[in-house]
């Protein structure tokens, strides 16, 4: 499966999504539905998006972004995006004044850096 989701630690305080190869919007929306289910009993959780294995971003990202944000559970806190994507960093800066997210968005080039950005409180 091109998008794999699992808890990132034994305390179930953050989720890791690993993007491998090519994925589709339908696969992403399916993972979002699963995310809502498994995180419902949690008071808060963070998301770590590992895009290092992602070949390409899918077309029409902007048109899907609002729907994706609306599907994020209310108990979602921060997001850490792992990978070297200047496009995503630039898009985040451009949209930040116009879109309210449930928590902060951080960017990391390595998993070690990403783990350092996850709030373990």
PDB file of N, CA and C in Angstrom:
ATOM      1  N   UNK A   1       0.846  -1.179   0.000  1.00  0.00           N
ATOM      2  CA  UNK A   1       0.000   0.000   0.000  1.00  0.00           C
ATOM      3  C   UNK A   1       0.895   1.247   0.000  1.00  0.00           C
ATOM      4  N   UNK A   2       0.622   2.203  -0.856  1.00  0.00           N
ATOM      5  CA  UNK A   2       1.466   3.390  -0.966  1.00  0.00           C
ATOM      6  C   UNK A   2       1.437   4.314   0.258  1.00  0.00           C
ATOM      7  N   UNK A   3       0.370   4.277   1.066  1.00  0.00           N
ATOM      8  CA  UNK A   3       0.313   5.072   2.289  1.00  0.00           C
ATOM      9  C   UNK A   3       0.070   4.115   3.452  1.00  0.00           C
ATOM     10  N   UNK A   4       1.018   4.080   4.374  1.00  0.00           N
ATOM     11  CA  UNK A   4       0.905   3.211   5.545  1.00  0.00           C
ATOM     12  C   UNK A   4       0.806   4.097   6.773  1.00  0.00           C
ATOM     13  N   UNK A   5      -0.151   3.780   7.647  1.00  0.00           N
ATOM     14  CA  UNK A   5      -0.347   4.560   8.858  1.00  0.00           C
ATOM     15  C   UNK A   5      -0.218   3.649  10.065  1.00  0.00           C
ATOM     16  N   UNK A   6       0.514   4.111  11.078  1.00  0.00           N
ATOM     17  CA  UNK A   6       0.655   3.351  12.312  1.00  0.00           C
ATOM     18  C   UNK A   6       1.028   4.310  13.433  1.00  0.00           C
ATOM     19  N   UNK A   7       0.800   3.861  14.666  1.00  0.00           N
ATOM     20  CA  UNK A   7       1.215   4.663  15.811  1.00  0.00           C
ATOM     21  C   UNK A   7       2.731   4.765  15.817  1.00  0.00           C
ATOM     22  N   UNK A   8       3.252   5.916  16.214  1.00  0.00           N
ATOM     23  CA  UNK A   8       4.687   6.161  16.199  1.00  0.00           C
ATOM     24  C   UNK A   8       5.409   5.798  17.472  1.00  0.00           C
ATOM     25  N   UNK A   9       4.640   5.541  18.548  1.00  0.00           N
ATOM     26  CA  UNK A   9       5.281   5.156  19.808  1.00  0.00           C
ATOM     27  C   UNK A   9       4.324   4.297  20.628  1.00  0.00           C
ATOM     28  N   UNK A  10       4.836   3.719  21.700  1.00  0.00           N
ATOM     29  CA  UNK A  10       4.041   2.806  22.531  1.00  0.00           C
ATOM     30  C   UNK A  10       2.924   3.525  23.279  1.00  0.00           C
ATOM     31  N   UNK A  11       3.080   4.828  23.495  1.00  0.00           N
ATOM     32  CA  UNK A  11       2.051   5.595  24.204  1.00  0.00           C
ATOM     33  C   UNK A  11       0.939   6.084  23.280  1.00  0.00           C
ATOM     34  N   UNK A  12       1.052   5.803  21.992  1.00  0.00           N
ATOM     35  CA  UNK A  12       0.050   6.235  21.009  1.00  0.00           C
ATOM     36  C   UNK A  12      -0.210   7.736  21.073  1.00  0.00           C
ATOM     37  N   UNK A  13       0.871   8.523  21.092  1.00  0.00           N
ATOM     38  CA  UNK A  13       0.709   9.976  21.121  1.00  0.00           C
ATOM     39  C   UNK A  13       0.939  10.618  19.760  1.00  0.00           C
ATOM     40  N   UNK A  14       1.502   9.846  18.814  1.00  0.00           N
ATOM     41  CA  UNK A  14       1.612  10.382  17.465  1.00  0.00           C
ATOM     42  C   UNK A  14       1.507   9.266  16.435  1.00  0.00           C
ATOM     43  N   UNK A  15       1.003   9.649  15.280  1.00  0.00           N
ATOM     44  CA  UNK A  15       0.776   8.755  14.144  1.00  0.00           C
ATOM     45  C   UNK A  15       1.856   9.034  13.100  1.00  0.00           C
ATOM     46  N   UNK A  16       2.351   7.977  12.472  1.00  0.00           N
ATOM     47  CA  UNK A  16       3.257   8.143  11.331  1.00  0.00           C
ATOM     48  C   UNK A  16       2.527   7.682  10.073  1.00  0.00           C
ATOM     49  N   UNK A  17       2.537   8.548   9.079  1.00  0.00           N
ATOM     50  CA  UNK A  17       2.073   8.169   7.748  1.00  0.00           C
ATOM     51  C   UNK A  17       3.312   8.068   6.880  1.00  0.00           C
ATOM     52  N   UNK A  18       3.524   6.900   6.267  1.00  0.00           N
ATOM     53  CA  UNK A  18       4.640   6.714   5.341  1.00  0.00           C
ATOM     54  C   UNK A  18       4.085   6.655   3.918  1.00  0.00           C
ATOM     55  N   UNK A  19       4.554   7.551   3.098  1.00  0.00           N
ATOM     56  CA  UNK A  19       4.155   7.586   1.693  1.00  0.00           C
ATOM     57  C   UNK A  19       5.253   6.900   0.894  1.00  0.00           C
ATOM     58  N   UNK A  20       4.893   5.816   0.197  1.00  0.00           N
ATOM     59  CA  UNK A  20       5.860   5.047  -0.580  1.00  0.00           C
ATOM     60  C   UNK A  20       5.449   5.040  -2.039  1.00  0.00           C
ATOM     61  N   UNK A  21       6.285   5.569  -2.882  1.00  0.00           N
ATOM     62  CA  UNK A  21       5.993   5.548  -4.306  1.00  0.00           C
ATOM     63  C   UNK A  21       4.865   6.482  -4.689  1.00  0.00           C
ATOM     64  N   UNK A  22       4.006   5.994  -5.560  1.00  0.00           N
ATOM     65  CA  UNK A  22       2.892   6.787  -6.064  1.00  0.00           C
ATOM     66  C   UNK A  22       1.620   6.429  -5.312  1.00  0.00           C
ATOM     67  N   UNK A  23       0.851   7.432  -4.940  1.00  0.00           N
ATOM     68  CA  UNK A  23      -0.390   7.235  -4.194  1.00  0.00           C
ATOM     69  C   UNK A  23      -1.493   8.018  -4.897  1.00  0.00           C
ATOM     70  N   UNK A  24      -2.741   7.768  -4.483  1.00  0.00           N
ATOM     71  CA  UNK A  24      -3.882   8.467  -5.079  1.00  0.00           C
ATOM     72  C   UNK A  24      -4.626   9.248  -3.995  1.00  0.00           C
ATOM     73  N   UNK A  25      -5.455  10.181  -4.436  1.00  0.00           N
ATOM     74  CA  UNK A  25      -6.273  10.944  -3.481  1.00  0.00           C
ATOM     75  C   UNK A  25      -7.232  10.024  -2.740  1.00  0.00           C
ATOM     76  N   UNK A  26      -7.804   9.044  -3.426  1.00  0.00           N
ATOM     77  CA  UNK A  26      -8.723   8.109  -2.759  1.00  0.00           C
ATOM     78  C   UNK A  26      -8.022   7.347  -1.643  1.00  0.00           C
ATOM     79  N   UNK A  27      -6.774   6.951  -1.866  1.00  0.00           N
ATOM     80  CA  UNK A  27      -6.011   6.275  -0.806  1.00  0.00           C
ATOM     81  C   UNK A  27      -5.789   7.207   0.382  1.00  0.00           C
ATOM     82  N   UNK A  28      -5.492   8.462   0.101  1.00  0.00           N
ATOM     83  CA  UNK A  28      -5.283   9.422   1.188  1.00  0.00           C
ATOM     84  C   UNK A  28      -6.570   9.637   1.980  1.00  0.00           C
ATOM     85  N   UNK A  29      -7.696   9.784   1.296  1.00  0.00           N
ATOM     86  CA  UNK A  29      -8.971   9.977   1.999  1.00  0.00           C
ATOM     87  C   UNK A  29      -9.340   8.748   2.826  1.00  0.00           C
ATOM     88  N   UNK A  30      -9.016   7.572   2.339  1.00  0.00           N
ATOM     89  CA  UNK A  30      -9.263   6.346   3.100  1.00  0.00           C
ATOM     90  C   UNK A  30      -8.443   6.339   4.391  1.00  0.00           C
ATOM     91  N   UNK A  31      -7.188   6.762   4.301  1.00  0.00           N
ATOM     92  CA  UNK A  31      -6.334   6.840   5.490  1.00  0.00           C
ATOM     93  C   UNK A  31      -6.879   7.887   6.463  1.00  0.00           C
ATOM     94  N   UNK A  32      -7.406   8.990   5.961  1.00  0.00           N
ATOM     95  CA  UNK A  32      -7.992  10.014   6.828  1.00  0.00           C
ATOM     96  C   UNK A  32      -9.197   9.480   7.599  1.00  0.00           C
ATOM     97  N   UNK A  33     -10.016   8.668   6.951  1.00  0.00           N
ATOM     98  CA  UNK A  33     -11.163   8.052   7.639  1.00  0.00           C
ATOM     99  C   UNK A  33     -10.661   7.113   8.735  1.00  0.00           C
ATOM    100  N   UNK A  34      -9.653   6.303   8.418  1.00  0.00           N
ATOM    101  CA  UNK A  34      -9.061   5.420   9.430  1.00  0.00           C
ATOM    102  C   UNK A  34      -8.470   6.230  10.581  1.00  0.00           C
ATOM    103  N   UNK A  35      -7.844   7.351  10.260  1.00  0.00           N
ATOM    104  CA  UNK A  35      -7.257   8.220  11.281  1.00  0.00           C
ATOM    105  C   UNK A  35      -8.324   8.697  12.262  1.00  0.00           C
ATOM    106  N   UNK A  36      -9.465   9.102  11.745  1.00  0.00           N
ATOM    107  CA  UNK A  36     -10.557   9.559  12.611  1.00  0.00           C
ATOM    108  C   UNK A  36     -10.985   8.464  13.576  1.00  0.00           C
ATOM    109  N   UNK A  37     -11.035   7.239  13.103  1.00  0.00           N
ATOM    110  CA  UNK A  37     -11.480   6.114  13.929  1.00  0.00           C
ATOM    111  C   UNK A  37     -10.478   5.773  15.024  1.00  0.00           C
ATOM    112  N   UNK A  38      -9.211   5.611  14.660  1.00  0.00           N
ATOM    113  CA  UNK A  38      -8.247   5.139  15.658  1.00  0.00           C
ATOM    114  C   UNK A  38      -7.820   6.218  16.644  1.00  0.00           C
ATOM    115  N   UNK A  39      -8.006   7.482  16.291  1.00  0.00           N
ATOM    116  CA  UNK A  39      -7.597   8.544  17.211  1.00  0.00           C
ATOM    117  C   UNK A  39      -8.744   9.086  18.044  1.00  0.00           C
ATOM    118  N   UNK A  40      -9.963   8.646  17.772  1.00  0.00           N
ATOM    119  CA  UNK A  40     -11.130   9.169  18.498  1.00  0.00           C
ATOM    120  C   UNK A  40     -10.996   9.070  20.015  1.00  0.00           C
ATOM    121  N   UNK A  41     -10.499   7.958  20.572  1.00  0.00           N
ATOM    122  CA  UNK A  41     -10.416   7.882  22.039  1.00  0.00           C
ATOM    123  C   UNK A  41      -9.242   8.653  22.652  1.00  0.00           C
ATOM    124  N   UNK A  42      -8.381   9.211  21.841  1.00  0.00           N
ATOM    125  CA  UNK A  42      -7.192   9.905  22.349  1.00  0.00           C
ATOM    126  C   UNK A  42      -7.522  11.360  22.675  1.00  0.00           C
ATOM    127  N   UNK A  43      -6.953  11.900  23.772  1.00  0.00           N
ATOM    128  CA  UNK A  43      -7.197  13.311  24.068  1.00  0.00           C
ATOM    129  C   UNK A  43      -6.551  14.222  23.016  1.00  0.00           C
ATOM    130  N   UNK A  44      -5.307  13.944  22.647  1.00  0.00           N
ATOM    131  CA  UNK A  44      -4.614  14.665  21.573  1.00  0.00           C
ATOM    132  C   UNK A  44      -3.606  13.725  20.915  1.00  0.00           C
ATOM    133  N   UNK A  45      -3.232  14.053  19.701  1.00  0.00           N
ATOM    134  CA  UNK A  45      -2.197  13.287  19.002  1.00  0.00           C
ATOM    135  C   UNK A  45      -1.555  14.191  17.956  1.00  0.00           C
ATOM    136  N   UNK A  46      -0.344  13.848  17.577  1.00  0.00           N
ATOM    137  CA  UNK A  46       0.378  14.552  16.523  1.00  0.00           C
ATOM    138  C   UNK A  46       0.506  13.630  15.317  1.00  0.00           C
ATOM    139  N   UNK A  47       0.815  14.211  14.158  1.00  0.00           N
ATOM    140  CA  UNK A  47       0.992  13.434  12.931  1.00  0.00           C
ATOM    141  C   UNK A  47       2.373  13.718  12.353  1.00  0.00           C
ATOM    142  N   UNK A  48       3.057  12.655  11.988  1.00  0.00           N
ATOM    143  CA  UNK A  48       4.346  12.753  11.315  1.00  0.00           C
ATOM    144  C   UNK A  48       4.146  12.198   9.906  1.00  0.00           C
ATOM    145  N   UNK A  49       4.281  13.038   8.895  1.00  0.00           N
ATOM    146  CA  UNK A  49       4.124  12.621   7.500  1.00  0.00           C
ATOM    147  C   UNK A  49       5.505  12.368   6.912  1.00  0.00           C
ATOM    148  N   UNK A  50       5.818  11.119   6.642  1.00  0.00           N
ATOM    149  CA  UNK A  50       7.114  10.757   6.073  1.00  0.00           C
ATOM    150  C   UNK A  50       6.977  10.706   4.553  1.00  0.00           C
ATOM    151  N   UNK A  51       7.394  11.781   3.902  1.00  0.00           N
ATOM    152  CA  UNK A  51       7.275  11.885   2.447  1.00  0.00           C
ATOM    153  C   UNK A  51       8.567  11.525   1.719  1.00  0.00           C
ATOM    154  N   UNK A  52       9.552  11.007   2.441  1.00  0.00           N
ATOM    155  CA  UNK A  52      10.843  10.711   1.815  1.00  0.00           C
ATOM    156  C   UNK A  52      10.728   9.666   0.713  1.00  0.00           C
ATOM    157  N   UNK A  53       9.780   8.740   0.804  1.00  0.00           N
ATOM    158  CA  UNK A  53       9.617   7.707  -0.212  1.00  0.00           C
ATOM    159  C   UNK A  53       8.589   8.051  -1.271  1.00  0.00           C
ATOM    160  N   UNK A  54       8.026   9.226  -1.186  1.00  0.00           N
ATOM    161  CA  UNK A  54       6.989   9.667  -2.128  1.00  0.00           C
ATOM    162  C   UNK A  54       7.649  10.101  -3.433  1.00  0.00           C
ATOM    163  N   UNK A  55       7.199   9.519  -4.539  1.00  0.00           N
ATOM    164  CA  UNK A  55       7.796   9.861  -5.831  1.00  0.00           C
ATOM    165  C   UNK A  55       7.386  11.259  -6.281  1.00  0.00           C
ATOM    166  N   UNK A  56       6.096  11.527  -6.264  1.00  0.00           N
ATOM    167  CA  UNK A  56       5.575  12.815  -6.724  1.00  0.00           C
ATOM    168  C   UNK A  56       4.371  13.196  -5.880  1.00  0.00           C
ATOM    169  N   UNK A  57       4.150  14.492  -5.760  1.00  0.00           N
ATOM    170  CA  UNK A  57       2.902  14.955  -5.166  1.00  0.00           C
ATOM    171  C   UNK A  57       1.819  14.836  -6.225  1.00  0.00           C
ATOM    172  N   UNK A  58       0.628  14.533  -5.796  1.00  0.00           N
ATOM    173  CA  UNK A  58      -0.474  14.380  -6.731  1.00  0.00           C
ATOM    174  C   UNK A  58      -0.924  15.740  -7.261  1.00  0.00           C
ATOM    175  N   UNK A  59      -1.502  15.761  -8.460  1.00  0.00           N
ATOM    176  CA  UNK A  59      -1.997  17.023  -9.010  1.00  0.00           C
ATOM    177  C   UNK A  59      -3.178  17.548  -8.196  1.00  0.00           C
ATOM    178  N   UNK A  60      -3.444  18.812  -8.343  1.00  0.00           N
ATOM    179  CA  UNK A  60      -4.589  19.483  -7.714  1.00  0.00           C
ATOM    180  C   UNK A  60      -4.503  19.503  -6.194  1.00  0.00           C
ATOM    181  N   UNK A  61      -3.298  19.629  -5.664  1.00  0.00           N
ATOM    182  CA  UNK A  61      -3.108  19.629  -4.218  1.00  0.00           C
ATOM    183  C   UNK A  61      -3.924  20.723  -3.539  1.00  0.00           C
ATOM    184  N   UNK A  62      -3.907  21.911  -4.085  1.00  0.00           N
ATOM    185  CA  UNK A  62      -4.636  23.015  -3.453  1.00  0.00           C
ATOM    186  C   UNK A  62      -6.128  22.744  -3.361  1.00  0.00           C
ATOM    187  N   UNK A  63      -6.699  22.154  -4.393  1.00  0.00           N
ATOM    188  CA  UNK A  63      -8.141  21.899  -4.367  1.00  0.00           C
ATOM    189  C   UNK A  63      -8.516  20.824  -3.351  1.00  0.00           C
ATOM    190  N   UNK A  64      -7.592  19.951  -2.993  1.00  0.00           N
ATOM    191  CA  UNK A  64      -7.861  18.906  -2.007  1.00  0.00           C
ATOM    192  C   UNK A  64      -7.521  19.341  -0.586  1.00  0.00           C
ATOM    193  N   UNK A  65      -6.683  20.343  -0.452  1.00  0.00           N
ATOM    194  CA  UNK A  65      -6.161  20.716   0.858  1.00  0.00           C
ATOM    195  C   UNK A  65      -7.248  21.115   1.856  1.00  0.00           C
ATOM    196  N   UNK A  66      -8.210  21.899   1.440  1.00  0.00           N
ATOM    197  CA  UNK A  66      -9.275  22.331   2.355  1.00  0.00           C
ATOM    198  C   UNK A  66     -10.080  21.129   2.836  1.00  0.00           C
ATOM    199  N   UNK A  67     -10.403  20.219   1.942  1.00  0.00           N
ATOM    200  CA  UNK A  67     -11.145  19.010   2.339  1.00  0.00           C
ATOM    201  C   UNK A  67     -10.332  18.184   3.335  1.00  0.00           C
ATOM    202  N   UNK A  68      -9.043  18.061   3.093  1.00  0.00           N
ATOM    203  CA  UNK A  68      -8.170  17.305   3.994  1.00  0.00           C
ATOM    204  C   UNK A  68      -8.161  17.950   5.375  1.00  0.00           C
ATOM    205  N   UNK A  69      -8.001  19.258   5.425  1.00  0.00           N
ATOM    206  CA  UNK A  69      -7.974  19.968   6.708  1.00  0.00           C
ATOM    207  C   UNK A  69      -9.289  19.781   7.457  1.00  0.00           C
ATOM    208  N   UNK A  70     -10.401  19.832   6.749  1.00  0.00           N
ATOM    209  CA  UNK A  70     -11.713  19.643   7.391  1.00  0.00           C
ATOM    210  C   UNK A  70     -11.891  18.227   7.931  1.00  0.00           C
ATOM    211  N   UNK A  71     -11.194  17.261   7.353  1.00  0.00           N
ATOM    212  CA  UNK A  71     -11.312  15.872   7.801  1.00  0.00           C
ATOM    213  C   UNK A  71     -10.412  15.555   8.992  1.00  0.00           C
ATOM    214  N   UNK A  72      -9.496  16.457   9.329  1.00  0.00           N
ATOM    215  CA  UNK A  72      -8.617  16.200  10.472  1.00  0.00           C
ATOM    216  C   UNK A  72      -9.437  16.187  11.754  1.00  0.00           C
ATOM    217  N   UNK A  73      -9.220  15.207  12.598  1.00  0.00           N
ATOM    218  CA  UNK A  73      -9.963  15.141  13.860  1.00  0.00           C
ATOM    219  C   UNK A  73      -9.671  16.357  14.745  1.00  0.00           C
ATOM    220  N   UNK A  74     -10.639  16.710  15.578  1.00  0.00           N
ATOM    221  CA  UNK A  74     -10.494  17.863  16.465  1.00  0.00           C
ATOM    222  C   UNK A  74      -9.362  17.696  17.469  1.00  0.00           C
ATOM    223  N   UNK A  75      -9.016  16.460  17.799  1.00  0.00           N
ATOM    224  CA  UNK A  75      -7.957  16.218  18.777  1.00  0.00           C
ATOM    225  C   UNK A  75      -6.559  16.167  18.142  1.00  0.00           C
ATOM    226  N   UNK A  76      -6.472  16.462  16.861  1.00  0.00           N
ATOM    227  CA  UNK A  76      -5.187  16.541  16.157  1.00  0.00           C
ATOM    228  C   UNK A  76      -4.458  17.795  16.621  1.00  0.00           C
ATOM    229  N   UNK A  77      -3.185  17.641  16.898  1.00  0.00           N
ATOM    230  CA  UNK A  77      -2.404  18.772  17.393  1.00  0.00           C
ATOM    231  C   UNK A  77      -1.430  19.207  16.300  1.00  0.00           C
ATOM    232  N   UNK A  78      -0.187  18.827  16.382  1.00  0.00           N
ATOM    233  CA  UNK A  78       0.827  19.300  15.444  1.00  0.00           C
ATOM    234  C   UNK A  78       1.091  18.300  14.327  1.00  0.00           C
ATOM    235  N   UNK A  79       1.645  18.815  13.224  1.00  0.00           N
ATOM    236  CA  UNK A  79       2.029  17.993  12.085  1.00  0.00           C
ATOM    237  C   UNK A  79       3.497  18.252  11.776  1.00  0.00           C
ATOM    238  N   UNK A  80       4.252  17.179  11.577  1.00  0.00           N
ATOM    239  CA  UNK A  80       5.646  17.293  11.145  1.00  0.00           C
ATOM    240  C   UNK A  80       5.751  16.609   9.787  1.00  0.00           C
ATOM    241  N   UNK A  81       6.227  17.339   8.796  1.00  0.00           N
ATOM    242  CA  UNK A  81       6.387  16.814   7.441  1.00  0.00           C
ATOM    243  C   UNK A  81       7.868  16.533   7.217  1.00  0.00           C
ATOM    244  N   UNK A  82       8.181  15.261   6.912  1.00  0.00           N
ATOM    245  CA  UNK A  82       9.570  14.840   6.733  1.00  0.00           C
ATOM    246  C   UNK A  82       9.850  14.664   5.246  1.00  0.00           C
ATOM    247  N   UNK A  83      10.864  15.333   4.768  1.00  0.00           N
ATOM    248  CA  UNK A  83      11.253  15.257   3.371  1.00  0.00           C
ATOM    249  C   UNK A  83      11.823  16.594   2.952  1.00  0.00           C
ATOM    250  N   UNK A  84      12.376  16.631   1.802  1.00  0.00           N
ATOM    251  CA  UNK A  84      13.002  17.862   1.325  1.00  0.00           C
ATOM    252  C   UNK A  84      12.128  18.470   0.240  1.00  0.00           C
ATOM    253  N   UNK A  85      10.980  19.006   0.637  1.00  0.00           N
ATOM    254  CA  UNK A  85      10.035  19.541  -0.331  1.00  0.00           C
ATOM    255  C   UNK A  85       9.942  21.060  -0.205  1.00  0.00           C
ATOM    256  N   UNK A  86      10.636  21.734  -1.087  1.00  0.00           N
ATOM    257  CA  UNK A  86      10.560  23.194  -1.105  1.00  0.00           C
ATOM    258  C   UNK A  86       9.161  23.648  -1.503  1.00  0.00           C
ATOM    259  N   UNK A  87       8.496  22.857  -2.340  1.00  0.00           N
ATOM    260  CA  UNK A  87       7.145  23.203  -2.768  1.00  0.00           C
ATOM    261  C   UNK A  87       6.195  23.244  -1.574  1.00  0.00           C
ATOM    262  N   UNK A  88       6.206  22.202  -0.726  1.00  0.00           N
ATOM    263  CA  UNK A  88       5.303  22.172   0.427  1.00  0.00           C
ATOM    264  C   UNK A  88       5.629  23.268   1.434  1.00  0.00           C
ATOM    265  N   UNK A  89       6.902  23.525   1.639  1.00  0.00           N
ATOM    266  CA  UNK A  89       7.300  24.596   2.550  1.00  0.00           C
ATOM    267  C   UNK A  89       6.798  25.941   2.037  1.00  0.00           C
ATOM    268  N   UNK A  90       6.969  26.192   0.761  1.00  0.00           N
ATOM    269  CA  UNK A  90       6.507  27.449   0.165  1.00  0.00           C
ATOM    270  C   UNK A  90       4.995  27.564   0.207  1.00  0.00           C
ATOM    271  N   UNK A  91       4.309  26.468  -0.091  1.00  0.00           N
ATOM    272  CA  UNK A  91       2.851  26.490  -0.066  1.00  0.00           C
ATOM    273  C   UNK A  91       2.343  26.761   1.348  1.00  0.00           C
ATOM    274  N   UNK A  92       2.981  26.169   2.349  1.00  0.00           N
ATOM    275  CA  UNK A  92       2.578  26.396   3.736  1.00  0.00           C
ATOM    276  C   UNK A  92       2.725  27.872   4.099  1.00  0.00           C
ATOM    277  N   UNK A  93       3.841  28.470   3.730  1.00  0.00           N
ATOM    278  CA  UNK A  93       4.049  29.898   4.015  1.00  0.00           C
ATOM    279  C   UNK A  93       2.991  30.759   3.333  1.00  0.00           C
ATOM    280  N   UNK A  94       2.640  30.406   2.109  1.00  0.00           N
ATOM    281  CA  UNK A  94       1.663  31.175   1.355  1.00  0.00           C
ATOM    282  C   UNK A  94       0.263  31.054   1.965  1.00  0.00           C
ATOM    283  N   UNK A  95      -0.101  29.860   2.424  1.00  0.00           N
ATOM    284  CA  UNK A  95      -1.466  29.623   2.907  1.00  0.00           C
ATOM    285  C   UNK A  95      -1.640  29.919   4.393  1.00  0.00           C
ATOM    286  N   UNK A  96      -0.565  29.974   5.145  1.00  0.00           N
ATOM    287  CA  UNK A  96      -0.645  30.120   6.595  1.00  0.00           C
ATOM    288  C   UNK A  96      -1.543  31.275   7.051  1.00  0.00           C
ATOM    289  N   UNK A  97      -1.479  32.450   6.433  1.00  0.00           N
ATOM    290  CA  UNK A  97      -2.355  33.528   6.900  1.00  0.00           C
ATOM    291  C   UNK A  97      -3.839  33.308   6.585  1.00  0.00           C
ATOM    292  N   UNK A  98      -4.141  32.361   5.699  1.00  0.00           N
ATOM    293  CA  UNK A  98      -5.509  32.197   5.218  1.00  0.00           C
ATOM    294  C   UNK A  98      -6.210  30.934   5.699  1.00  0.00           C
ATOM    295  N   UNK A  99      -5.452  29.977   6.221  1.00  0.00           N
ATOM    296  CA  UNK A  99      -6.020  28.684   6.620  1.00  0.00           C
ATOM    297  C   UNK A  99      -5.673  28.419   8.082  1.00  0.00           C
ATOM    298  N   UNK A 100      -6.690  28.089   8.870  1.00  0.00           N
ATOM    299  CA  UNK A 100      -6.466  27.776  10.277  1.00  0.00           C
ATOM    300  C   UNK A 100      -6.325  26.271  10.446  1.00  0.00           C
ATOM    301  N   UNK A 101      -5.194  25.861  10.973  1.00  0.00           N
ATOM    302  CA  UNK A 101      -4.941  24.448  11.249  1.00  0.00           C
ATOM    303  C   UNK A 101      -5.072  24.207  12.744  1.00  0.00           C
ATOM    304  N   UNK A 102      -5.357  22.966  13.133  1.00  0.00           N
ATOM    305  CA  UNK A 102      -5.525  22.683  14.562  1.00  0.00           C
ATOM    306  C   UNK A 102      -4.250  22.838  15.377  1.00  0.00           C
ATOM    307  N   UNK A 103      -3.107  22.786  14.774  1.00  0.00           N
ATOM    308  CA  UNK A 103      -1.838  22.905  15.497  1.00  0.00           C
ATOM    309  C   UNK A 103      -0.777  23.470  14.588  1.00  0.00           C
ATOM    310  N   UNK A 104       0.448  23.392  15.036  1.00  0.00           N
ATOM    311  CA  UNK A 104       1.571  23.902  14.250  1.00  0.00           C
ATOM    312  C   UNK A 104       1.976  22.899  13.175  1.00  0.00           C
ATOM    313  N   UNK A 105       2.592  23.410  12.120  1.00  0.00           N
ATOM    314  CA  UNK A 105       3.167  22.573  11.068  1.00  0.00           C
ATOM    315  C   UNK A 105       4.673  22.811  11.083  1.00  0.00           C
ATOM    316  N   UNK A 106       5.422  21.718  11.173  1.00  0.00           N
ATOM    317  CA  UNK A 106       6.882  21.783  11.182  1.00  0.00           C
ATOM    318  C   UNK A 106       7.405  20.993   9.987  1.00  0.00           C
ATOM    319  N   UNK A 107       8.586  21.347   9.529  1.00  0.00           N
ATOM    320  CA  UNK A 107       9.230  20.634   8.433  1.00  0.00           C
ATOM    321  C   UNK A 107      10.574  20.101   8.914  1.00  0.00           C
ATOM    322  N   UNK A 108      10.886  18.866   8.539  1.00  0.00           N
ATOM    323  CA  UNK A 108      12.145  18.229   8.927  1.00  0.00           C
ATOM    324  C   UNK A 108      12.708  17.488   7.720  1.00  0.00           C
ATOM    325  N   UNK A 109      14.012  17.418   7.642  1.00  0.00           N
ATOM    326  CA  UNK A 109      14.645  16.690   6.536  1.00  0.00           C
ATOM    327  C   UNK A 109      14.909  15.237   6.884  1.00  0.00           C
ATOM    328  N   UNK A 110      15.016  14.926   8.189  1.00  0.00           N
ATOM    329  CA  UNK A 110      15.304  13.554   8.620  1.00  0.00           C
ATOM    330  C   UNK A 110      14.295  13.124   9.679  1.00  0.00           C
ATOM    331  N   UNK A 111      14.209  11.814   9.883  1.00  0.00           N
ATOM    332  CA  UNK A 111      13.325  11.295  10.925  1.00  0.00           C
ATOM    333  C   UNK A 111      13.819  11.709  12.308  1.00  0.00           C
ATOM    334  N   UNK A 112      15.118  11.722  12.523  1.00  0.00           N
ATOM    335  CA  UNK A 112      15.650  12.150  13.819  1.00  0.00           C
ATOM    336  C   UNK A 112      15.225  13.580  14.135  1.00  0.00           C
ATOM    337  N   UNK A 113      15.320  14.442  13.141  1.00  0.00           N
ATOM    338  CA  UNK A 113      14.888  15.830  13.327  1.00  0.00           C
ATOM    339  C   UNK A 113      13.386  15.887  13.608  1.00  0.00           C
ATOM    340  N   UNK A 114      12.618  15.063  12.905  1.00  0.00           N
ATOM    341  CA  UNK A 114      11.160  15.035  13.093  1.00  0.00           C
ATOM    342  C   UNK A 114      10.792  14.585  14.497  1.00  0.00           C
ATOM    343  N   UNK A 115      11.440  13.530  14.985  1.00  0.00           N
ATOM    344  CA  UNK A 115      11.158  13.053  16.342  1.00  0.00           C
ATOM    345  C   UNK A 115      11.453  14.140  17.371  1.00  0.00           C
ATOM    346  N   UNK A 116      12.462  14.948  17.113  1.00  0.00           N
ATOM    347  CA  UNK A 116      12.784  16.048  18.013  1.00  0.00           C
ATOM    348  C   UNK A 116      11.726  17.134  18.027  1.00  0.00           C
ATOM    349  N   UNK A 117      10.927  17.217  16.962  1.00  0.00           N
ATOM    350  CA  UNK A 117       9.883  18.242  16.875  1.00  0.00           C
ATOM    351  C   UNK A 117       8.537  17.786  17.429  1.00  0.00           C
ATOM    352  N   UNK A 118       8.367  16.475  17.610  1.00  0.00           N
ATOM    353  CA  UNK A 118       7.111  15.953  18.148  1.00  0.00           C
ATOM    354  C   UNK A 118       7.038  16.296  19.629  1.00  0.00           C
ATOM    355  N   UNK A 119       5.892  16.792  20.050  1.00  0.00           N
ATOM    356  CA  UNK A 119       5.696  17.130  21.469  1.00  0.00           C
ATOM    357  C   UNK A 119       5.332  15.867  22.234  1.00  0.00           C
ATOM    358  N   UNK A 120       6.153  15.481  23.166  1.00  0.00           N
ATOM    359  CA  UNK A 120       5.909  14.270  23.950  1.00  0.00           C
ATOM    360  C   UNK A 120       5.303  14.600  25.304  1.00  0.00           C
ATOM    361  N   UNK A 121       4.393  15.546  25.357  1.00  0.00           N
ATOM    362  CA  UNK A 121       3.786  15.885  26.650  1.00  0.00           C
ATOM    363  C   UNK A 121       2.411  15.300  26.793  1.00  0.00           C
TER     364      UNK A 121
END
